[in-house]
Amino acid sequence: MEIYDSYQNISNIYQELAQKQSQLAQIDKDELSKSTFERNDSVLLSDGNYDENDYQRVLDRFQNRDQEVKTHEQVHASSTTTTSAMNYNYQLGPDGKLYAMGGSVRFDTSIPQDKEAASTKLEELKKAANAPGSLSSADAQIAQTANLNKMLIDSLREGFSYDY
């Protein structure tokens, strides 16, 4: 009977621990779901005492950046095969609307087994990463990796061996 009671006590302790872990996980999830804006930023236009020219200048910057980001990602997406839809990071503008401040699109980086098809695909990836006028660090890294892999495939095609 004592063993059964001990087992029951241990079982109850584990059950309580599981409930506490679940509660802590829910708290963490709730904290994560709060937007960065709610946690870090606040806009105070308390008495309406602000310059209309400043407001318009900031709004124009938001609108221009939104257009730049969307155009940049659309150029990427139109240049090669992608594996997902374009993804944008939004920020709330002074007019209460959301504006894209950053974005990404995932390229299909799978390499075919055929050396000729692989070389063509890597050239396409390099061009897609370099397509927009301004390169992000991710764009540059993709272009560099595609270029290095293309050089490796070309050297293998020419008969160069990496065996020692």
N, C-alpha and C. Protein backbone atom coordinates (compact mmCIF):
# COMPACT_ATOMS: atom_id res chain seq x y z
N MET A 1 0.81 -1.19 0.00
CA MET A 1 0.00 0.00 0.00
C MET A 1 0.86 1.26 0.00
N GLU A 2 2.00 1.21 0.67
CA GLU A 2 2.88 2.37 0.72
C GLU A 2 3.45 2.67 -0.67
N ILE A 3 3.78 1.65 -1.41
CA ILE A 3 4.33 1.84 -2.76
C ILE A 3 3.28 2.51 -3.64
N TYR A 4 2.04 2.09 -3.53
CA TYR A 4 0.96 2.67 -4.32
C TYR A 4 0.77 4.15 -3.97
N ASP A 5 0.82 4.47 -2.66
CA ASP A 5 0.68 5.86 -2.23
C ASP A 5 1.84 6.72 -2.74
N SER A 6 3.04 6.19 -2.69
CA SER A 6 4.21 6.91 -3.19
C SER A 6 4.07 7.16 -4.69
N TYR A 7 3.59 6.13 -5.38
CA TYR A 7 3.38 6.27 -6.83
C TYR A 7 2.35 7.35 -7.12
N GLN A 8 1.27 7.38 -6.34
CA GLN A 8 0.24 8.40 -6.50
C GLN A 8 0.81 9.80 -6.25
N ASN A 9 1.61 9.95 -5.21
CA ASN A 9 2.22 11.24 -4.89
C ASN A 9 3.14 11.71 -6.01
N ILE A 10 3.96 10.81 -6.50
CA ILE A 10 4.88 11.15 -7.58
C ILE A 10 4.08 11.52 -8.82
N SER A 11 3.05 10.77 -9.11
CA SER A 11 2.21 11.04 -10.26
C SER A 11 1.56 12.42 -10.15
N ASN A 12 1.08 12.75 -8.96
CA ASN A 12 0.47 14.07 -8.74
C ASN A 12 1.50 15.20 -8.92
N ILE A 13 2.69 14.97 -8.44
CA ILE A 13 3.75 15.98 -8.58
C ILE A 13 4.05 16.23 -10.06
N TYR A 14 4.21 15.13 -10.82
CA TYR A 14 4.48 15.29 -12.25
C TYR A 14 3.32 15.98 -12.97
N GLN A 15 2.12 15.69 -12.55
CA GLN A 15 0.95 16.32 -13.17
C GLN A 15 0.95 17.83 -12.89
N GLU A 16 1.27 18.20 -11.65
CA GLU A 16 1.33 19.62 -11.31
C GLU A 16 2.46 20.32 -12.07
N LEU A 17 3.60 19.65 -12.19
CA LEU A 17 4.71 20.22 -12.95
C LEU A 17 4.32 20.44 -14.41
N ALA A 18 3.63 19.48 -14.98
CA ALA A 18 3.19 19.61 -16.38
C ALA A 18 2.23 20.79 -16.53
N GLN A 19 1.33 20.98 -15.58
CA GLN A 19 0.41 22.11 -15.64
C GLN A 19 1.16 23.44 -15.54
N LYS A 20 2.14 23.52 -14.65
CA LYS A 20 2.92 24.74 -14.49
C LYS A 20 3.72 25.03 -15.76
N GLN A 21 4.32 23.98 -16.36
CA GLN A 21 5.05 24.18 -17.60
C GLN A 21 4.13 24.67 -18.70
N SER A 22 2.93 24.15 -18.75
CA SER A 22 1.96 24.58 -19.75
C SER A 22 1.58 26.04 -19.54
N GLN A 23 1.40 26.44 -18.29
CA GLN A 23 1.06 27.83 -17.99
C GLN A 23 2.21 28.76 -18.38
N LEU A 24 3.45 28.35 -18.08
CA LEU A 24 4.61 29.17 -18.44
C LEU A 24 4.76 29.27 -19.96
N ALA A 25 4.51 28.18 -20.65
CA ALA A 25 4.58 28.19 -22.11
C ALA A 25 3.54 29.15 -22.69
N GLN A 26 2.35 29.16 -22.10
CA GLN A 26 1.30 30.06 -22.58
C GLN A 26 1.69 31.52 -22.34
N ILE A 27 2.30 31.80 -21.20
CA ILE A 27 2.76 33.16 -20.90
C ILE A 27 3.81 33.58 -21.92
N ASP A 28 4.78 32.68 -22.21
CA ASP A 28 5.80 32.97 -23.21
C ASP A 28 5.18 33.22 -24.58
N LYS A 29 4.21 32.41 -24.93
CA LYS A 29 3.55 32.56 -26.23
C LYS A 29 2.82 33.90 -26.31
N ASP A 30 2.14 34.29 -25.24
CA ASP A 30 1.44 35.57 -25.21
C ASP A 30 2.41 36.74 -25.34
N GLU A 31 3.56 36.65 -24.67
CA GLU A 31 4.56 37.71 -24.74
C GLU A 31 5.12 37.82 -26.14
N LEU A 32 5.37 36.68 -26.78
CA LEU A 32 5.90 36.69 -28.13
C LEU A 32 4.91 37.27 -29.13
N SER A 33 3.63 37.02 -28.89
CA SER A 33 2.62 37.48 -29.84
C SER A 33 2.39 38.98 -29.79
N LYS A 34 2.82 39.61 -28.73
CA LYS A 34 2.70 41.07 -28.68
C LYS A 34 3.63 41.65 -29.74
N SER A 35 3.16 42.61 -30.45
CA SER A 35 3.97 43.17 -31.52
C SER A 35 5.09 44.02 -30.94
N THR A 36 6.10 44.22 -31.74
CA THR A 36 7.21 45.08 -31.35
C THR A 36 6.70 46.48 -31.08
N PHE A 37 5.73 46.89 -31.85
CA PHE A 37 5.18 48.23 -31.67
C PHE A 37 4.57 48.38 -30.28
N GLU A 38 3.80 47.36 -29.84
CA GLU A 38 3.15 47.45 -28.54
C GLU A 38 4.16 47.47 -27.40
N ARG A 39 5.28 46.73 -27.57
CA ARG A 39 6.26 46.64 -26.50
C ARG A 39 7.21 47.82 -26.44
N ASN A 40 7.63 48.33 -27.60
CA ASN A 40 8.74 49.27 -27.61
C ASN A 40 8.39 50.68 -28.05
N ASP A 41 7.37 50.81 -28.86
CA ASP A 41 7.12 52.10 -29.47
C ASP A 41 5.80 52.69 -28.99
N SER A 42 5.76 53.97 -29.01
CA SER A 42 4.49 54.64 -28.77
C SER A 42 4.53 55.96 -29.52
N VAL A 43 3.41 56.34 -30.02
CA VAL A 43 3.30 57.59 -30.75
C VAL A 43 2.40 58.51 -29.93
N LEU A 44 2.92 59.66 -29.61
CA LEU A 44 2.15 60.61 -28.83
C LEU A 44 1.96 61.90 -29.63
N LEU A 45 0.75 62.09 -30.07
CA LEU A 45 0.39 63.35 -30.72
C LEU A 45 -0.69 63.98 -29.85
N SER A 46 -0.34 64.22 -28.62
CA SER A 46 -1.31 64.57 -27.60
C SER A 46 -2.11 65.83 -27.90
N ASP A 47 -1.44 66.90 -28.15
CA ASP A 47 -2.19 68.14 -28.30
C ASP A 47 -2.28 68.60 -29.75
N GLY A 48 -1.90 67.72 -30.69
CA GLY A 48 -1.98 68.08 -32.09
C GLY A 48 -0.95 69.12 -32.48
N ASN A 49 0.05 69.32 -31.63
CA ASN A 49 1.06 70.32 -31.86
C ASN A 49 2.25 69.70 -32.61
N TYR A 50 2.07 69.47 -33.91
CA TYR A 50 3.13 68.93 -34.73
C TYR A 50 3.09 69.63 -36.09
N ASP A 51 4.19 69.60 -36.74
CA ASP A 51 4.33 70.29 -38.03
C ASP A 51 3.77 69.40 -39.14
N GLU A 52 2.86 69.92 -39.92
CA GLU A 52 2.23 69.16 -41.01
C GLU A 52 3.27 68.76 -42.06
N ASN A 53 4.27 69.62 -42.27
CA ASN A 53 5.33 69.28 -43.23
C ASN A 53 6.14 68.07 -42.76
N ASP A 54 6.44 68.00 -41.47
CA ASP A 54 7.15 66.84 -40.93
C ASP A 54 6.31 65.58 -41.08
N TYR A 55 5.05 65.68 -40.77
CA TYR A 55 4.14 64.54 -40.91
C TYR A 55 4.15 64.03 -42.35
N GLN A 56 4.04 64.93 -43.32
CA GLN A 56 4.00 64.54 -44.73
C GLN A 56 5.32 63.95 -45.17
N ARG A 57 6.43 64.51 -44.68
CA ARG A 57 7.75 64.01 -45.02
C ARG A 57 7.93 62.57 -44.50
N VAL A 58 7.51 62.31 -43.28
CA VAL A 58 7.60 60.96 -42.72
C VAL A 58 6.68 60.01 -43.48
N LEU A 59 5.48 60.45 -43.77
CA LEU A 59 4.54 59.62 -44.52
C LEU A 59 5.09 59.29 -45.91
N ASP A 60 5.71 60.26 -46.56
CA ASP A 60 6.32 60.03 -47.88
C ASP A 60 7.43 58.99 -47.78
N ARG A 61 8.22 59.06 -46.72
CA ARG A 61 9.29 58.07 -46.54
C ARG A 61 8.72 56.66 -46.39
N PHE A 62 7.67 56.54 -45.62
CA PHE A 62 7.02 55.23 -45.45
C PHE A 62 6.49 54.72 -46.80
N GLN A 63 5.83 55.58 -47.53
CA GLN A 63 5.26 55.17 -48.82
C GLN A 63 6.34 54.81 -49.83
N ASN A 64 7.42 55.59 -49.87
CA ASN A 64 8.52 55.30 -50.79
C ASN A 64 9.21 53.98 -50.43
N ARG A 65 9.45 53.78 -49.14
CA ARG A 65 10.11 52.53 -48.71
C ARG A 65 9.22 51.33 -49.04
N ASP A 66 7.93 51.46 -48.82
CA ASP A 66 6.99 50.39 -49.13
C ASP A 66 7.08 50.02 -50.61
N GLN A 67 7.09 51.01 -51.46
CA GLN A 67 7.17 50.77 -52.91
C GLN A 67 8.51 50.15 -53.29
N GLU A 68 9.61 50.64 -52.70
CA GLU A 68 10.94 50.10 -52.99
C GLU A 68 11.02 48.62 -52.62
N VAL A 69 10.55 48.29 -51.42
CA VAL A 69 10.62 46.91 -50.93
C VAL A 69 9.80 45.99 -51.82
N LYS A 70 8.59 46.39 -52.13
CA LYS A 70 7.72 45.53 -52.94
C LYS A 70 8.28 45.34 -54.35
N THR A 71 8.81 46.40 -54.94
CA THR A 71 9.41 46.30 -56.27
C THR A 71 10.63 45.38 -56.22
N HIS A 72 11.48 45.56 -55.21
CA HIS A 72 12.68 44.75 -55.04
C HIS A 72 12.34 43.26 -54.99
N GLU A 73 11.38 42.90 -54.17
CA GLU A 73 11.02 41.48 -54.02
C GLU A 73 10.32 40.95 -55.28
N GLN A 74 9.55 41.78 -55.95
CA GLN A 74 8.89 41.34 -57.18
C GLN A 74 9.90 41.07 -58.28
N VAL A 75 10.95 41.86 -58.35
CA VAL A 75 12.01 41.63 -59.33
C VAL A 75 12.69 40.29 -59.05
N HIS A 76 12.99 40.04 -57.78
CA HIS A 76 13.56 38.73 -57.41
C HIS A 76 12.64 37.60 -57.86
N ALA A 77 11.39 37.69 -57.47
CA ALA A 77 10.43 36.60 -57.73
C ALA A 77 10.22 36.36 -59.22
N SER A 78 10.31 37.40 -60.02
CA SER A 78 10.08 37.23 -61.45
C SER A 78 11.31 36.69 -62.18
N SER A 79 12.45 36.64 -61.50
CA SER A 79 13.70 36.25 -62.15
C SER A 79 14.01 34.76 -62.06
N THR A 80 13.37 34.05 -61.17
CA THR A 80 13.67 32.62 -60.99
C THR A 80 12.50 31.92 -60.32
N THR A 81 12.63 30.62 -60.17
CA THR A 81 11.60 29.84 -59.49
C THR A 81 11.69 30.07 -57.99
N THR A 82 10.54 30.26 -57.36
CA THR A 82 10.51 30.47 -55.92
C THR A 82 9.78 29.31 -55.24
N THR A 83 10.03 29.16 -53.95
CA THR A 83 9.38 28.08 -53.20
C THR A 83 8.30 28.58 -52.26
N SER A 84 8.14 29.89 -52.19
CA SER A 84 7.09 30.44 -51.32
C SER A 84 6.68 31.82 -51.85
N ALA A 85 5.62 32.31 -51.30
CA ALA A 85 5.17 33.66 -51.68
C ALA A 85 6.11 34.69 -51.07
N MET A 86 6.02 35.90 -51.59
CA MET A 86 6.83 36.98 -51.01
C MET A 86 6.35 37.25 -49.59
N ASN A 87 7.30 37.56 -48.73
CA ASN A 87 7.02 37.82 -47.33
C ASN A 87 7.50 39.23 -47.00
N TYR A 88 6.65 40.01 -46.36
CA TYR A 88 7.01 41.39 -46.05
C TYR A 88 6.97 41.61 -44.54
N ASN A 89 7.87 42.48 -44.07
CA ASN A 89 7.87 42.94 -42.68
C ASN A 89 7.25 44.33 -42.69
N TYR A 90 6.17 44.48 -41.94
CA TYR A 90 5.42 45.73 -41.98
C TYR A 90 5.65 46.57 -40.73
N GLN A 91 5.50 47.86 -40.90
CA GLN A 91 5.55 48.80 -39.79
C GLN A 91 4.37 49.75 -39.93
N LEU A 92 3.82 50.14 -38.81
CA LEU A 92 2.69 51.05 -38.80
C LEU A 92 3.16 52.47 -39.09
N GLY A 93 2.58 53.07 -40.10
CA GLY A 93 2.94 54.44 -40.47
C GLY A 93 2.19 55.45 -39.65
N PRO A 94 2.52 56.72 -39.82
CA PRO A 94 1.89 57.77 -39.02
C PRO A 94 0.40 57.94 -39.33
N ASP A 95 -0.03 57.41 -40.48
CA ASP A 95 -1.44 57.51 -40.84
C ASP A 95 -2.24 56.28 -40.40
N GLY A 96 -1.59 55.38 -39.66
CA GLY A 96 -2.28 54.19 -39.15
C GLY A 96 -2.30 53.03 -40.13
N LYS A 97 -1.68 53.16 -41.29
CA LYS A 97 -1.62 52.08 -42.28
C LYS A 97 -0.31 51.32 -42.14
N LEU A 98 -0.31 50.07 -42.61
CA LEU A 98 0.90 49.26 -42.58
C LEU A 98 1.71 49.45 -43.86
N TYR A 99 3.02 49.61 -43.70
CA TYR A 99 3.92 49.78 -44.83
C TYR A 99 5.04 48.74 -44.76
N ALA A 100 5.39 48.17 -45.91
CA ALA A 100 6.46 47.18 -45.97
C ALA A 100 7.80 47.89 -45.77
N MET A 101 8.56 47.45 -44.79
CA MET A 101 9.88 48.02 -44.51
C MET A 101 11.00 47.05 -44.88
N GLY A 102 10.64 45.81 -45.13
CA GLY A 102 11.60 44.78 -45.52
C GLY A 102 10.83 43.63 -46.12
N GLY A 103 11.54 42.73 -46.75
CA GLY A 103 10.85 41.60 -47.34
C GLY A 103 11.81 40.51 -47.75
N SER A 104 11.23 39.41 -48.17
CA SER A 104 12.04 38.29 -48.65
C SER A 104 11.19 37.41 -49.54
N VAL A 105 11.90 36.66 -50.37
CA VAL A 105 11.27 35.63 -51.19
C VAL A 105 12.28 34.48 -51.22
N ARG A 106 11.77 33.27 -51.12
CA ARG A 106 12.66 32.11 -51.07
C ARG A 106 12.83 31.54 -52.48
N PHE A 107 14.08 31.49 -52.91
CA PHE A 107 14.40 30.91 -54.21
C PHE A 107 14.42 29.39 -54.10
N ASP A 108 14.13 28.74 -55.22
CA ASP A 108 14.30 27.29 -55.31
C ASP A 108 15.78 27.05 -55.55
N THR A 109 16.49 26.61 -54.53
CA THR A 109 17.94 26.44 -54.63
C THR A 109 18.35 24.98 -54.86
N SER A 110 17.38 24.14 -55.20
CA SER A 110 17.73 22.75 -55.48
C SER A 110 18.56 22.70 -56.76
N ILE A 111 19.57 21.85 -56.75
CA ILE A 111 20.48 21.74 -57.89
C ILE A 111 20.23 20.43 -58.62
N PRO A 112 19.95 20.49 -59.91
CA PRO A 112 19.72 19.26 -60.68
C PRO A 112 20.99 18.40 -60.75
N GLN A 113 20.83 17.11 -60.99
CA GLN A 113 21.97 16.19 -61.08
C GLN A 113 22.78 16.43 -62.36
N ASP A 114 22.10 16.77 -63.43
CA ASP A 114 22.77 17.02 -64.69
C ASP A 114 23.63 18.28 -64.58
N LYS A 115 24.91 18.17 -64.97
CA LYS A 115 25.83 19.29 -64.80
C LYS A 115 25.41 20.51 -65.63
N GLU A 116 24.92 20.28 -66.84
CA GLU A 116 24.50 21.40 -67.69
C GLU A 116 23.29 22.12 -67.10
N ALA A 117 22.32 21.34 -66.64
CA ALA A 117 21.12 21.93 -66.03
C ALA A 117 21.49 22.63 -64.72
N ALA A 118 22.42 22.06 -63.97
CA ALA A 118 22.86 22.67 -62.71
C ALA A 118 23.54 24.00 -62.98
N SER A 119 24.39 24.03 -64.00
CA SER A 119 25.09 25.27 -64.35
C SER A 119 24.10 26.35 -64.77
N THR A 120 23.11 25.96 -65.55
CA THR A 120 22.07 26.91 -65.99
C THR A 120 21.28 27.43 -64.80
N LYS A 121 20.91 26.53 -63.90
CA LYS A 121 20.13 26.91 -62.72
C LYS A 121 20.93 27.85 -61.82
N LEU A 122 22.22 27.57 -61.63
CA LEU A 122 23.05 28.43 -60.78
C LEU A 122 23.23 29.82 -61.40
N GLU A 123 23.35 29.88 -62.71
CA GLU A 123 23.45 31.18 -63.39
C GLU A 123 22.14 31.96 -63.20
N GLU A 124 21.01 31.26 -63.28
CA GLU A 124 19.71 31.89 -63.08
C GLU A 124 19.58 32.42 -61.65
N LEU A 125 20.04 31.64 -60.66
CA LEU A 125 20.00 32.08 -59.26
C LEU A 125 20.87 33.31 -59.06
N LYS A 126 22.05 33.31 -59.67
CA LYS A 126 22.96 34.45 -59.53
C LYS A 126 22.31 35.71 -60.12
N LYS A 127 21.70 35.58 -61.28
CA LYS A 127 21.05 36.73 -61.91
C LYS A 127 19.85 37.20 -61.08
N ALA A 128 19.09 36.27 -60.52
CA ALA A 128 17.92 36.64 -59.71
C ALA A 128 18.35 37.37 -58.45
N ALA A 129 19.43 36.92 -57.83
CA ALA A 129 19.91 37.59 -56.61
C ALA A 129 20.44 38.98 -56.92
N ASN A 130 21.04 39.15 -58.09
CA ASN A 130 21.61 40.44 -58.49
C ASN A 130 20.62 41.34 -59.21
N ALA A 131 19.42 40.86 -59.46
CA ALA A 131 18.45 41.58 -60.30
C ALA A 131 18.13 42.99 -59.81
N PRO A 132 17.75 43.18 -58.56
CA PRO A 132 17.42 44.55 -58.13
C PRO A 132 18.68 45.42 -58.07
N GLY A 133 18.50 46.70 -58.16
CA GLY A 133 19.64 47.62 -58.13
C GLY A 133 20.43 47.57 -56.84
N SER A 134 19.77 47.49 -55.70
CA SER A 134 20.47 47.48 -54.42
C SER A 134 20.43 46.07 -53.84
N LEU A 135 21.60 45.55 -53.51
CA LEU A 135 21.70 44.19 -52.97
C LEU A 135 21.66 44.20 -51.45
N SER A 136 20.86 43.32 -50.90
CA SER A 136 20.92 43.10 -49.46
C SER A 136 22.04 42.11 -49.19
N SER A 137 22.39 41.91 -47.94
CA SER A 137 23.44 40.95 -47.61
C SER A 137 23.02 39.53 -48.01
N ALA A 138 21.73 39.22 -47.86
CA ALA A 138 21.25 37.89 -48.27
C ALA A 138 21.35 37.73 -49.78
N ASP A 139 21.03 38.77 -50.53
CA ASP A 139 21.14 38.73 -51.99
C ASP A 139 22.58 38.46 -52.40
N ALA A 140 23.50 39.19 -51.79
CA ALA A 140 24.92 39.05 -52.12
C ALA A 140 25.43 37.65 -51.79
N GLN A 141 24.98 37.11 -50.65
CA GLN A 141 25.42 35.77 -50.25
C GLN A 141 24.90 34.70 -51.22
N ILE A 142 23.65 34.82 -51.65
CA ILE A 142 23.09 33.87 -52.61
C ILE A 142 23.84 33.96 -53.94
N ALA A 143 24.08 35.17 -54.40
CA ALA A 143 24.79 35.35 -55.67
C ALA A 143 26.21 34.79 -55.59
N GLN A 144 26.89 35.03 -54.48
CA GLN A 144 28.25 34.53 -54.30
C GLN A 144 28.29 33.01 -54.25
N THR A 145 27.37 32.41 -53.51
CA THR A 145 27.31 30.95 -53.41
C THR A 145 26.99 30.33 -54.77
N ALA A 146 26.02 30.91 -55.48
CA ALA A 146 25.67 30.39 -56.81
C ALA A 146 26.86 30.50 -57.76
N ASN A 147 27.57 31.61 -57.69
CA ASN A 147 28.73 31.80 -58.55
C ASN A 147 29.83 30.78 -58.24
N LEU A 148 30.11 30.56 -56.97
CA LEU A 148 31.13 29.59 -56.58
C LEU A 148 30.75 28.17 -57.00
N ASN A 149 29.49 27.81 -56.80
CA ASN A 149 29.03 26.49 -57.21
C ASN A 149 29.09 26.33 -58.73
N LYS A 150 28.74 27.39 -59.45
CA LYS A 150 28.81 27.33 -60.91
C LYS A 150 30.26 27.15 -61.35
N MET A 151 31.18 27.85 -60.73
CA MET A 151 32.60 27.70 -61.06
C MET A 151 33.07 26.27 -60.78
N LEU A 152 32.61 25.69 -59.69
CA LEU A 152 32.97 24.32 -59.35
C LEU A 152 32.45 23.35 -60.40
N ILE A 153 31.21 23.51 -60.80
CA ILE A 153 30.62 22.62 -61.82
C ILE A 153 31.34 22.80 -63.15
N ASP A 154 31.64 24.04 -63.51
CA ASP A 154 32.36 24.29 -64.77
C ASP A 154 33.74 23.64 -64.75
N SER A 155 34.44 23.73 -63.62
CA SER A 155 35.77 23.12 -63.54
C SER A 155 35.68 21.60 -63.59
N LEU A 156 34.64 21.01 -63.00
CA LEU A 156 34.45 19.57 -63.08
C LEU A 156 34.13 19.14 -64.51
N ARG A 157 33.36 19.97 -65.20
CA ARG A 157 33.00 19.67 -66.59
C ARG A 157 34.25 19.67 -67.47
N GLU A 158 35.20 20.55 -67.15
CA GLU A 158 36.42 20.65 -67.93
C GLU A 158 37.42 19.56 -67.58
N GLY A 159 37.08 18.72 -66.62
CA GLY A 159 37.93 17.58 -66.29
C GLY A 159 38.85 17.80 -65.11
N PHE A 160 38.77 18.95 -64.46
CA PHE A 160 39.60 19.20 -63.30
C PHE A 160 39.17 18.30 -62.16
N SER A 161 40.10 17.71 -61.44
CA SER A 161 39.79 16.80 -60.35
C SER A 161 40.28 17.39 -59.03
N TYR A 162 39.48 17.21 -58.01
CA TYR A 162 39.85 17.68 -56.68
C TYR A 162 40.44 16.59 -55.82
N ASP A 163 40.70 15.43 -56.41
CA ASP A 163 41.30 14.32 -55.66
C ASP A 163 42.77 14.62 -55.41
N TYR A 164 43.24 14.22 -54.24
CA TYR A 164 44.65 14.44 -53.89
C TYR A 164 45.44 13.19 -54.10
